[in-house]
Amino acid sequence: MTLLFFGLFAFSLALSFAATRQVRDTATRRGWVSKPQNGRHVHETPLPRLGGAAIFLAFSVTLGLWLGLSLVFPRLSSGTDLATLLRIYVPGCLIFCLGIYDDLHGAGPYTKFAVQAIAAGMLFVGGMHVLNLPLLGVHTLPWFVDLPATVLWVVAVTNAFNLIDGLDGLAAGSALFSTIVFFVVALVNQSWLGALMSITLAGAILGFLRFNFNPATIFLGDSGSLFIGFTLSALALAGAQKAPTFVAVAIPVVSFGLPILETLLSILRRLISGRPIFTADREHIHHKLLQMGLSHRQVVIVLYAVSAVFAMLSLFLLWPTGSSLGLVLAVVGTGIWMGVQHLNYIEFGELRRVAQRTIEQRQIFINNLSVRRAVEELKVAADFDQVRRILVAAFNGNDFDGFDFQVFPPFSDRSGDASRRFHWSKAPHMAAISNQPSWKLMLDLVTTSNQPRGALVVYRAYERRDLQLDVNLLTSEFPRALADALDRVLVVPPALVARQSDAPPLAANL
């Protein structure tokens, strides 16, 4: 069997190498090329994107060769289920045709999902489906749960590989690591058909990768990424029939770590930002690494390393124990958390900020109450000194660092004090706040009767911590309450009243 696997791998690789060159040259001559557009593509020159045709051809011809040899040497097909091969290959042809159509003419997302769902349904009818959900302790799922779960798995994995196909060699290289994992798992479980199909697919991918690695001369295209993703999802379902429950579920998920992570991040980012899920952008993992200054080739090598780590960790689960499971989960979880942190997605930064604000909600309540309490006390303030004490108490209990309070002339307090400006800060001197980097909020003090009575400028030094206060309280209720209090405790100076009374009526001047 070892010699057979090696021969199939070598033949598929050589055929894929020759077919890729031929497909590239033919597509270039006929103008079947992808032009950079929308500022989303990283390539600068038009290149053919029908590389999947070469992979499909190499995969199909190699399997056909094996079937032909099996007729002459029946021992070559011993232990393999030819019916299962057809149950995977026929819907795989449907997916390949979908990809070819999309590469040449373009297909909408709903058309793609519909065809993929049909292909997944064909797998389900052929006996390949999600057997159980070990986390729930369910061992036989009813068909109305099993069918949607199977379709979801196939569609998710198929599109996950399509989603990471954004840099030269990235999707094909990541798929190669996953294919090798499936080959090893199939050998351990003595699933000869799975081993045969996975090693054949690995040879086809590697032969194509020679022309797809940076700088690429041909792209994988949807015909390649969709076909590879579908085939791997189907192999995972077929392998689940002979593997223990945990292995059948965990190994495919971990081995597909990079495309699954990219898919989840893309969906979460777009949901958080309120954008349609199918919106294209330049915020994928490889785009973020490019923005960090890495070259095209460096990004691909880094993500190859990530795929290799996921592949290696998935193989640890072939012999699951408590310690190995804990180690894998710890490494995967820590790696994903650290990676997402370094990618600096603004959507997740905002999510962290909201979460932090939720944790600090008690302090926000306290600060809001200090403002609301000041509003109620201003309604019964009897003099200007009491107004100033209320202001100091309110801002001393919240996140602002100082304020500048000014009353518009001709008003003064009832004691005749002409000082109508008041500064306060948590620092020893107001200048320590107003002269350092800070932001300020100026509130015009207008009474209920729409009369201006002054202005209040509040300061806050720049800090990393968010303002733990509902600013709406300061911009709605508080200014009006303060203006009404000033209108009640302040008077027009007597001299000005006298001058106003001595002035002739307006009619006399006409």
Protein backbone atom coordinates (compact mmCIF):
# COMPACT_ATOMS: atom_id res chain seq x y z
CA MET A 1 0.00 0.00 0.00
CA THR A 2 2.84 2.37 0.75
CA LEU A 3 4.18 2.00 -2.78
CA LEU A 4 0.70 2.59 -4.19
CA PHE A 5 0.23 5.79 -2.20
CA PHE A 6 3.64 7.09 -3.21
CA GLY A 7 2.97 6.28 -6.88
CA LEU A 8 -0.41 8.02 -6.87
CA PHE A 9 1.06 11.06 -5.14
CA ALA A 10 3.93 11.31 -7.65
CA PHE A 11 1.66 10.82 -10.66
CA SER A 12 -0.88 13.39 -9.42
CA LEU A 13 1.91 15.88 -8.71
CA ALA A 14 3.49 15.49 -12.14
CA LEU A 15 0.16 15.66 -13.95
CA SER A 16 -0.91 18.73 -11.97
CA PHE A 17 2.41 20.42 -12.75
CA ALA A 18 1.98 19.85 -16.50
CA ALA A 19 -1.74 20.67 -16.50
CA THR A 20 -1.27 23.91 -14.55
CA ARG A 21 1.22 25.20 -17.09
CA GLN A 22 -1.11 24.30 -19.96
CA VAL A 23 -4.16 25.85 -18.29
CA ARG A 24 -2.20 29.02 -17.50
CA ASP A 25 -1.00 29.48 -21.07
CA THR A 26 -4.40 28.69 -22.59
CA ALA A 27 -6.28 31.01 -20.25
CA THR A 28 -3.80 33.83 -20.88
CA ARG A 29 -4.15 33.50 -24.66
CA ARG A 30 -7.95 33.53 -24.49
CA GLY A 31 -8.08 36.45 -22.06
CA TRP A 32 -9.56 34.47 -19.19
CA VAL A 33 -7.74 36.56 -16.62
CA SER A 34 -8.56 38.33 -13.37
CA LYS A 35 -7.90 42.05 -13.37
CA PRO A 36 -7.16 43.86 -10.09
CA GLN A 37 -10.17 45.87 -9.00
CA ASN A 38 -11.95 47.53 -6.09
CA GLY A 39 -8.63 48.15 -4.30
CA ARG A 40 -9.12 44.75 -2.64
CA HIS A 41 -6.85 42.60 -4.76
CA VAL A 42 -3.14 42.59 -4.04
CA HIS A 43 -1.96 41.56 -7.50
CA GLU A 44 -1.09 44.31 -9.97
CA THR A 45 -1.23 42.52 -13.34
CA PRO A 46 -4.05 40.45 -14.89
CA LEU A 47 -3.57 36.72 -14.20
CA PRO A 48 -5.64 33.64 -15.06
CA ARG A 49 -7.65 32.23 -12.16
CA LEU A 50 -8.51 28.76 -13.44
CA GLY A 51 -5.88 26.86 -11.49
CA GLY A 52 -8.62 24.69 -10.01
CA ALA A 53 -9.08 23.12 -13.45
CA ALA A 54 -5.56 21.68 -13.31
CA ILE A 55 -6.08 20.37 -9.77
CA PHE A 56 -9.42 18.80 -10.68
CA LEU A 57 -7.95 17.24 -13.82
CA ALA A 58 -4.96 15.76 -11.96
CA PHE A 59 -7.19 14.48 -9.16
CA SER A 60 -9.70 12.92 -11.56
CA VAL A 61 -7.18 11.32 -13.93
CA THR A 62 -5.16 9.87 -11.04
CA LEU A 63 -8.26 8.33 -9.48
CA GLY A 64 -9.24 7.03 -12.90
CA LEU A 65 -5.80 5.47 -13.28
CA TRP A 66 -6.18 3.77 -9.91
CA LEU A 67 -9.60 2.44 -10.89
CA GLY A 68 -8.17 1.09 -14.16
CA LEU A 69 -5.32 -0.61 -12.37
CA SER A 70 -7.77 -2.05 -9.86
CA LEU A 71 -9.56 -3.86 -12.67
CA VAL A 72 -6.28 -5.50 -13.67
CA PHE A 73 -4.98 -5.97 -10.13
CA PRO A 74 -8.02 -6.34 -7.83
CA ARG A 75 -5.75 -6.37 -4.80
CA LEU A 76 -5.21 -2.61 -5.28
CA SER A 77 -8.84 -1.90 -4.42
CA SER A 78 -9.11 -4.25 -1.47
CA GLY A 79 -10.44 -2.55 1.64
CA THR A 80 -11.85 0.40 -0.32
CA ASP A 81 -15.48 1.27 -0.94
CA LEU A 82 -15.83 2.38 -4.55
CA ALA A 83 -19.41 3.51 -3.91
CA THR A 84 -18.14 6.01 -1.33
CA LEU A 85 -15.68 7.32 -3.88
CA LEU A 86 -18.52 8.07 -6.30
CA ARG A 87 -20.65 9.61 -3.53
CA ILE A 88 -17.86 12.15 -2.93
CA TYR A 89 -16.69 12.61 -6.50
CA VAL A 90 -20.07 13.27 -8.17
CA PRO A 91 -21.11 16.23 -5.93
CA GLY A 92 -17.47 17.36 -6.10
CA CYS A 93 -17.89 17.65 -9.88
CA LEU A 94 -20.96 19.83 -9.27
CA ILE A 95 -18.95 22.12 -7.01
CA PHE A 96 -16.13 22.27 -9.57
CA CYS A 97 -18.58 23.30 -12.30
CA LEU A 98 -19.94 26.01 -10.00
CA GLY A 99 -16.40 27.29 -9.47
CA ILE A 100 -15.63 27.31 -13.21
CA TYR A 101 -18.80 29.28 -13.90
CA ASP A 102 -17.95 31.75 -11.16
CA ASP A 103 -14.38 32.19 -12.45
CA LEU A 104 -15.56 32.90 -16.00
CA HIS A 105 -18.89 34.70 -15.52
CA GLY A 106 -19.37 35.41 -11.82
CA ALA A 107 -22.02 33.93 -9.53
CA GLY A 108 -23.88 35.58 -6.67
CA PRO A 109 -23.45 34.39 -3.08
CA TYR A 110 -26.95 32.93 -2.88
CA THR A 111 -26.44 30.92 -6.07
CA LYS A 112 -23.19 29.55 -4.64
CA PHE A 113 -24.81 28.63 -1.33
CA ALA A 114 -27.74 26.95 -3.08
CA VAL A 115 -25.49 24.76 -5.24
CA GLN A 116 -23.26 23.94 -2.27
CA ALA A 117 -26.31 22.98 -0.22
CA ILE A 118 -27.44 20.65 -3.00
CA ALA A 119 -24.01 19.03 -3.10
CA ALA A 120 -24.06 18.65 0.69
CA GLY A 121 -27.49 17.07 0.44
CA MET A 122 -26.08 14.57 -2.04
CA LEU A 123 -23.44 13.63 0.52
CA PHE A 124 -26.13 13.22 3.16
CA VAL A 125 -28.19 10.96 0.93
CA GLY A 126 -25.02 8.98 0.23
CA GLY A 127 -24.65 8.21 3.92
CA MET A 128 -22.04 10.85 4.88
CA HIS A 129 -23.36 13.08 7.61
CA VAL A 130 -22.68 14.41 11.07
CA LEU A 131 -23.07 11.32 13.24
CA ASN A 132 -23.45 12.87 16.65
CA LEU A 133 -22.80 15.86 18.84
CA PRO A 134 -20.59 14.59 21.69
CA LEU A 135 -20.88 17.81 23.67
CA LEU A 136 -24.61 17.15 24.04
CA GLY A 137 -24.24 13.44 24.61
CA VAL A 138 -26.40 12.70 21.55
CA HIS A 139 -25.44 9.60 19.58
CA THR A 140 -28.19 9.44 16.96
CA LEU A 141 -29.40 12.74 15.58
CA PRO A 142 -32.84 12.95 13.97
CA TRP A 143 -32.64 13.63 10.23
CA PHE A 144 -34.14 17.15 10.54
CA VAL A 145 -31.18 18.06 12.78
CA ASP A 146 -28.56 15.93 11.07
CA LEU A 147 -29.27 17.27 7.57
CA PRO A 148 -28.92 21.00 8.42
CA ALA A 149 -25.82 20.23 10.49
CA THR A 150 -24.26 18.37 7.58
CA VAL A 151 -25.11 21.14 5.12
CA LEU A 152 -23.75 23.76 7.51
CA TRP A 153 -20.47 21.86 7.92
CA VAL A 154 -19.95 21.38 4.17
CA VAL A 155 -20.89 24.95 3.23
CA ALA A 156 -18.78 26.44 6.03
CA VAL A 157 -15.61 24.50 5.20
CA THR A 158 -16.05 24.95 1.45
CA ASN A 159 -16.30 28.71 1.76
CA ALA A 160 -13.63 28.93 4.45
CA PHE A 161 -10.95 27.90 1.98
CA ASN A 162 -12.43 30.26 -0.59
CA LEU A 163 -12.24 33.11 1.92
CA ILE A 164 -8.50 32.79 2.59
CA ASP A 165 -7.66 32.66 -1.12
CA GLY A 166 -6.37 36.24 -1.08
CA LEU A 167 -2.59 35.87 -1.45
CA ASP A 168 -0.41 33.85 -3.78
CA GLY A 169 -0.26 30.26 -2.56
CA LEU A 170 -2.11 30.88 0.71
CA ALA A 171 -5.27 28.81 0.24
CA ALA A 172 -3.48 26.00 -1.62
CA GLY A 173 -0.69 25.80 0.97
CA SER A 174 -3.11 25.81 3.90
CA ALA A 175 -5.16 23.09 2.20
CA LEU A 176 -2.00 21.03 1.66
CA PHE A 177 -1.34 20.89 5.42
CA SER A 178 -4.94 19.85 6.09
CA THR A 179 -4.78 17.20 3.37
CA ILE A 180 -1.65 15.69 4.90
CA VAL A 181 -3.45 15.50 8.25
CA PHE A 182 -6.33 13.64 6.63
CA PHE A 183 -3.90 11.21 5.02
CA VAL A 184 -2.25 10.43 8.35
CA VAL A 185 -5.59 10.07 10.15
CA ALA A 186 -6.89 7.77 7.40
CA LEU A 187 -3.80 5.57 7.70
CA VAL A 188 -4.18 5.30 11.47
CA ASN A 189 -7.87 4.41 11.10
CA GLN A 190 -7.11 2.07 8.17
CA SER A 191 -9.48 4.02 5.93
CA TRP A 192 -7.74 3.19 2.67
CA LEU A 193 -10.12 5.12 0.45
CA GLY A 194 -9.67 8.27 2.54
CA ALA A 195 -5.90 7.84 2.43
CA LEU A 196 -5.97 7.30 -1.33
CA MET A 197 -8.14 10.36 -2.05
CA SER A 198 -6.26 12.65 0.33
CA ILE A 199 -2.78 11.72 -0.97
CA THR A 200 -4.01 12.15 -4.55
CA LEU A 201 -5.41 15.59 -3.70
CA ALA A 202 -2.16 16.50 -1.92
CA GLY A 203 -0.14 15.70 -5.05
CA ALA A 204 -2.47 17.78 -7.23
CA ILE A 205 -2.23 20.75 -4.86
CA LEU A 206 1.56 20.56 -4.59
CA GLY A 207 2.00 20.41 -8.37
CA PHE A 208 -0.17 23.50 -8.76
CA LEU A 209 1.56 25.31 -5.92
CA ARG A 210 4.77 25.55 -7.97
CA PHE A 211 3.02 28.13 -10.17
CA ASN A 212 0.87 29.70 -7.47
CA PHE A 213 3.51 30.59 -4.89
CA ASN A 214 4.60 34.22 -4.87
CA PRO A 215 5.05 35.61 -7.45
CA ALA A 216 2.13 33.65 -8.85
CA THR A 217 1.52 33.17 -12.55
CA ILE A 218 -1.93 31.61 -12.05
CA PHE A 219 -4.56 31.79 -9.32
CA LEU A 220 -6.45 28.99 -7.66
CA GLY A 221 -9.81 30.56 -8.47
CA ASP A 222 -13.17 29.51 -7.08
CA SER A 223 -12.95 26.34 -9.18
CA GLY A 224 -9.98 25.32 -7.03
CA SER A 225 -10.78 26.73 -3.60
CA LEU A 226 -14.40 25.54 -3.60
CA PHE A 227 -13.48 22.09 -4.92
CA ILE A 228 -10.67 21.62 -2.41
CA GLY A 229 -12.79 22.85 0.50
CA PHE A 230 -15.71 20.64 -0.48
CA THR A 231 -13.54 17.56 -0.95
CA LEU A 232 -11.89 18.02 2.45
CA SER A 233 -15.26 18.54 4.16
CA ALA A 234 -16.54 15.35 2.50
CA LEU A 235 -13.44 13.39 3.51
CA ALA A 236 -13.99 14.55 7.08
CA LEU A 237 -17.55 13.22 6.99
CA ALA A 238 -16.44 9.94 5.41
CA GLY A 239 -13.68 9.53 8.01
CA ALA A 240 -16.18 10.15 10.81
CA GLN A 241 -17.75 6.78 10.05
CA LYS A 242 -14.64 4.89 11.23
CA ALA A 243 -13.20 7.22 13.88
CA PRO A 244 -14.20 7.71 17.51
CA THR A 245 -16.68 10.51 18.04
CA PHE A 246 -14.24 12.97 19.56
CA VAL A 247 -11.57 12.37 16.92
CA ALA A 248 -14.10 12.65 14.10
CA VAL A 249 -15.23 16.08 15.31
CA ALA A 250 -12.09 17.63 16.76
CA ILE A 251 -9.39 16.72 14.23
CA PRO A 252 -11.08 18.29 11.17
CA VAL A 253 -11.97 21.44 13.11
CA VAL A 254 -8.41 21.95 14.41
CA SER A 255 -6.74 21.00 11.11
CA PHE A 256 -8.91 23.58 9.32
CA GLY A 257 -7.88 26.10 11.98
CA LEU A 258 -6.74 28.97 9.74
CA PRO A 259 -9.69 29.03 7.27
CA ILE A 260 -12.23 28.47 10.05
CA LEU A 261 -10.67 31.25 12.15
CA GLU A 262 -10.70 33.60 9.15
CA THR A 263 -14.35 32.81 8.48
CA LEU A 264 -15.42 33.38 12.09
CA LEU A 265 -13.46 36.63 12.35
CA SER A 266 -14.95 37.94 9.10
CA ILE A 267 -18.50 37.14 10.17
CA LEU A 268 -18.04 38.63 13.64
CA ARG A 269 -16.36 41.77 12.30
CA ARG A 270 -19.14 42.46 9.86
CA LEU A 271 -21.90 41.73 12.36
CA ILE A 272 -20.33 44.03 14.95
CA SER A 273 -19.84 46.87 12.45
CA GLY A 274 -23.35 46.47 11.00
CA ARG A 275 -22.15 45.59 7.50
CA PRO A 276 -23.59 42.81 5.31
CA ILE A 277 -21.81 39.50 5.88
CA PHE A 278 -21.02 39.13 2.18
CA THR A 279 -19.34 42.53 1.89
CA ALA A 280 -15.78 42.33 0.56
CA ASP A 281 -13.09 44.25 2.43
CA ARG A 282 -9.35 44.45 3.06
CA GLU A 283 -9.52 43.41 6.70
CA HIS A 284 -8.72 39.71 6.39
CA ILE A 285 -5.85 38.25 8.37
CA HIS A 286 -3.45 38.41 5.43
CA HIS A 287 -4.44 42.02 4.72
CA LYS A 288 -3.76 42.99 8.35
CA LEU A 289 -0.32 41.36 8.21
CA LEU A 290 0.46 43.26 5.02
CA GLN A 291 -0.56 46.50 6.75
CA MET A 292 1.90 45.68 9.55
CA GLY A 293 4.76 45.91 7.04
CA LEU A 294 5.33 42.27 6.12
CA SER A 295 6.00 41.47 2.50
CA HIS A 296 3.66 39.33 0.42
CA ARG A 297 5.90 36.29 0.70
CA GLN A 298 6.55 36.82 4.43
CA VAL A 299 2.80 36.88 5.14
CA VAL A 300 2.29 33.61 3.28
CA ILE A 301 5.17 31.94 5.13
CA VAL A 302 3.83 33.14 8.48
CA LEU A 303 0.37 31.74 7.70
CA TYR A 304 1.94 28.50 6.45
CA ALA A 305 3.54 28.22 9.88
CA VAL A 306 0.15 28.85 11.52
CA SER A 307 -1.43 26.15 9.34
CA ALA A 308 1.40 23.75 10.20
CA VAL A 309 0.88 24.36 13.93
CA PHE A 310 -2.86 23.68 13.61
CA ALA A 311 -2.09 20.51 11.63
CA MET A 312 0.39 19.28 14.24
CA LEU A 313 -1.99 20.00 17.11
CA SER A 314 -4.79 18.13 15.37
CA LEU A 315 -2.59 15.03 15.13
CA PHE A 316 -2.13 15.10 18.91
CA LEU A 317 -5.84 14.33 19.12
CA LEU A 318 -5.41 10.96 17.42
CA TRP A 319 -4.71 9.57 20.88
CA PRO A 320 -6.89 11.80 23.07
CA THR A 321 -6.21 11.87 26.79
CA GLY A 322 -7.05 14.42 29.41
CA SER A 323 -3.60 15.97 29.27
CA SER A 324 -3.34 16.05 25.47
CA LEU A 325 -6.80 17.56 25.13
CA GLY A 326 -6.02 20.24 27.70
CA LEU A 327 -2.70 21.04 26.04
CA VAL A 328 -4.25 21.37 22.58
CA LEU A 329 -7.11 23.54 23.80
CA ALA A 330 -4.74 25.75 25.79
CA VAL A 331 -2.32 26.24 22.90
CA VAL A 332 -5.08 26.86 20.35
CA GLY A 333 -7.01 29.25 22.60
CA THR A 334 -3.92 31.20 23.69
CA GLY A 335 -2.59 31.40 20.14
CA ILE A 336 -5.87 32.67 18.72
CA TRP A 337 -6.28 35.24 21.50
CA MET A 338 -2.75 36.59 21.08
CA GLY A 339 -3.03 36.60 17.29
CA VAL A 340 -6.28 38.54 17.24
CA GLN A 341 -4.83 41.02 19.75
CA HIS A 342 -1.85 41.74 17.50
CA LEU A 343 -4.03 42.16 14.40
CA ASN A 344 -5.69 45.21 16.01
CA TYR A 345 -9.18 44.79 14.61
CA ILE A 346 -11.10 47.96 15.46
CA GLU A 347 -14.35 45.99 15.76
CA PHE A 348 -12.97 43.82 18.56
CA GLY A 349 -11.37 46.86 20.16
CA GLU A 350 -14.82 48.43 20.35
CA LEU A 351 -16.23 45.18 21.72
CA ARG A 352 -13.59 45.20 24.46
CA ARG A 353 -14.43 48.80 25.26
CA VAL A 354 -18.12 47.99 25.61
CA ALA A 355 -17.32 44.96 27.76
CA GLN A 356 -15.03 47.07 29.96
CA ARG A 357 -17.74 49.70 30.26
CA THR A 358 -20.20 47.00 31.32
CA ILE A 359 -17.78 45.83 34.01
CA GLU A 360 -17.39 49.42 35.21
CA GLN A 361 -21.13 50.07 35.14
CA ARG A 362 -21.25 50.56 38.92
CA GLN A 363 -18.84 53.51 38.69
CA ILE A 364 -20.88 54.95 35.83
CA PHE A 365 -23.97 54.78 38.03
CA ILE A 366 -22.12 56.59 40.81
CA ASN A 367 -20.90 59.35 38.48
CA ASN A 368 -24.30 59.76 36.86
CA LEU A 369 -25.95 60.01 40.26
CA SER A 370 -23.56 62.80 41.27
CA VAL A 371 -24.80 64.84 38.29
CA ARG A 372 -28.46 64.00 38.91
CA ARG A 373 -28.06 64.91 42.58
CA ALA A 374 -26.57 68.26 41.56
CA VAL A 375 -29.56 68.92 39.27
CA GLU A 376 -31.98 68.36 42.16
CA GLU A 377 -29.94 70.52 44.55
CA LEU A 378 -29.68 73.37 42.01
CA LYS A 379 -33.45 73.55 41.90
CA VAL A 380 -33.53 74.73 45.54
CA ALA A 381 -30.21 76.64 45.73
CA ALA A 382 -30.67 79.89 47.69
CA ASP A 383 -27.52 81.85 46.81
CA PHE A 384 -24.52 81.92 44.51
CA ASP A 385 -22.16 80.38 47.08
CA GLN A 386 -24.43 77.37 47.37
CA VAL A 387 -24.45 77.02 43.56
CA ARG A 388 -20.66 76.96 43.55
CA ARG A 389 -20.55 74.35 46.32
CA ILE A 390 -22.98 72.16 44.39
CA LEU A 391 -20.76 72.39 41.28
CA VAL A 392 -17.62 71.48 43.19
CA ALA A 393 -19.31 68.52 44.86
CA ALA A 394 -20.69 67.24 41.55
CA PHE A 395 -17.43 67.37 39.60
CA ASN A 396 -15.29 66.22 42.50
CA GLY A 397 -17.22 62.94 42.35
CA ASN A 398 -16.89 62.17 38.64
CA ASP A 399 -14.20 61.73 35.99
CA PHE A 400 -13.71 65.38 35.02
CA ASP A 401 -10.59 67.17 36.26
CA GLY A 402 -11.77 70.77 36.48
CA PHE A 403 -14.16 73.42 35.27
CA ASP A 404 -14.27 77.12 34.44
CA PHE A 405 -17.57 78.75 35.41
CA GLN A 406 -18.57 82.22 34.16
CA VAL A 407 -21.73 84.27 34.64
CA PHE A 408 -22.66 86.70 31.89
CA PRO A 409 -22.99 90.42 32.85
CA PRO A 410 -24.86 92.44 34.01
CA PHE A 411 -25.69 89.91 36.75
CA SER A 412 -23.97 89.54 40.11
CA ASP A 413 -24.83 87.75 43.34
CA ARG A 414 -27.18 89.30 45.87
CA SER A 415 -24.32 90.36 48.15
CA GLY A 416 -23.07 92.67 45.42
CA ASP A 417 -19.97 90.57 44.71
CA ALA A 418 -18.85 91.50 41.22
CA SER A 419 -16.80 88.32 40.85
CA ARG A 420 -18.75 86.33 38.32
CA ARG A 421 -16.07 83.82 37.29
CA PHE A 422 -15.07 80.73 39.21
CA HIS A 423 -12.37 78.10 38.56
CA TRP A 424 -12.01 74.70 40.14
CA SER A 425 -9.74 71.74 39.50
CA LYS A 426 -8.60 68.55 41.19
CA ALA A 427 -5.02 69.73 40.63
CA PRO A 428 -3.56 72.42 42.89
CA HIS A 429 -3.90 75.02 40.12
CA MET A 430 -6.34 75.32 37.27
CA ALA A 431 -3.46 76.01 34.87
CA ALA A 432 -2.17 72.50 35.52
CA ILE A 433 -5.32 71.22 33.83
CA SER A 434 -6.02 73.83 31.16
CA ASN A 435 -2.41 73.90 29.92
CA GLN A 436 -1.89 70.15 29.54
CA PRO A 437 -3.23 67.91 26.76
CA SER A 438 -6.91 67.61 27.52
CA TRP A 439 -10.31 67.82 26.00
CA LYS A 440 -12.98 70.25 27.03
CA LEU A 441 -16.74 70.49 26.86
CA MET A 442 -18.36 73.94 26.82
CA LEU A 443 -21.95 74.17 28.03
CA ASP A 444 -24.03 77.26 27.30
CA LEU A 445 -26.23 77.99 30.30
CA VAL A 446 -29.69 78.91 28.98
CA THR A 447 -32.76 79.13 31.21
CA THR A 448 -36.13 77.50 30.68
CA SER A 449 -37.34 80.88 29.34
CA ASN A 450 -34.47 80.78 26.79
CA GLN A 451 -32.36 83.49 28.50
CA PRO A 452 -28.53 83.13 28.46
CA ARG A 453 -27.04 83.24 31.93
CA GLY A 454 -23.43 82.05 31.52
CA ALA A 455 -21.12 79.27 30.36
CA LEU A 456 -19.47 76.27 31.97
CA VAL A 457 -16.34 74.70 30.49
CA VAL A 458 -15.38 71.30 31.90
CA TYR A 459 -11.91 69.80 31.39
CA ARG A 460 -10.57 66.28 31.34
CA ALA A 461 -6.95 65.27 30.81
CA TYR A 462 -6.33 62.67 28.10
CA GLU A 463 -6.37 59.19 29.63
CA ARG A 464 -6.53 55.66 28.29
CA ARG A 465 -9.53 54.93 30.50
CA ASP A 466 -12.94 55.80 29.05
CA LEU A 467 -15.06 58.53 30.58
CA GLN A 468 -17.33 56.76 33.05
CA LEU A 469 -20.25 59.14 32.77
CA ASP A 470 -23.30 59.58 30.58
CA VAL A 471 -22.43 62.83 28.81
CA ASN A 472 -26.10 63.28 27.88
CA LEU A 473 -26.77 64.25 31.50
CA LEU A 474 -24.35 67.16 31.17
CA THR A 475 -25.73 68.32 27.83
CA SER A 476 -29.47 68.16 28.61
CA GLU A 477 -30.76 68.45 32.18
CA PHE A 478 -27.74 69.88 33.95
CA PRO A 479 -27.15 73.14 31.96
CA ARG A 480 -30.79 74.19 32.19
CA ALA A 481 -30.97 73.50 35.93
CA LEU A 482 -27.80 75.52 36.49
CA ALA A 483 -29.06 78.43 34.35
CA ASP A 484 -32.41 78.49 36.20
CA ALA A 485 -30.56 78.53 39.52
CA LEU A 486 -28.43 81.46 38.38
CA ASP A 487 -31.53 83.28 37.22
CA ARG A 488 -33.01 82.84 40.66
CA VAL A 489 -29.99 83.77 42.86
CA LEU A 490 -28.49 86.57 40.75
CA VAL A 491 -29.75 90.16 40.33
CA VAL A 492 -29.05 93.12 38.08
CA PRO A 493 -26.70 95.63 39.82
CA PRO A 494 -28.64 98.66 41.24
CA ALA A 495 -26.60 101.17 39.21
CA LEU A 496 -27.59 99.47 36.01
CA VAL A 497 -31.23 99.35 37.13
CA ALA A 498 -31.10 103.14 37.74
CA ARG A 499 -29.59 103.81 34.33
CA GLN A 500 -32.25 101.68 32.73
CA SER A 501 -35.02 103.58 34.60
CA ASP A 502 -33.60 107.01 33.56
CA ALA A 503 -33.47 106.09 29.91
CA PRO A 504 -36.26 107.68 27.77
CA PRO A 505 -38.91 105.42 26.38
CA LEU A 506 -38.19 103.86 23.05
CA ALA A 507 -41.03 105.84 21.46
CA ALA A 508 -39.40 109.16 22.45
CA ASN A 509 -36.40 108.41 20.30
CA LEU A 510 -38.51 107.88 17.21
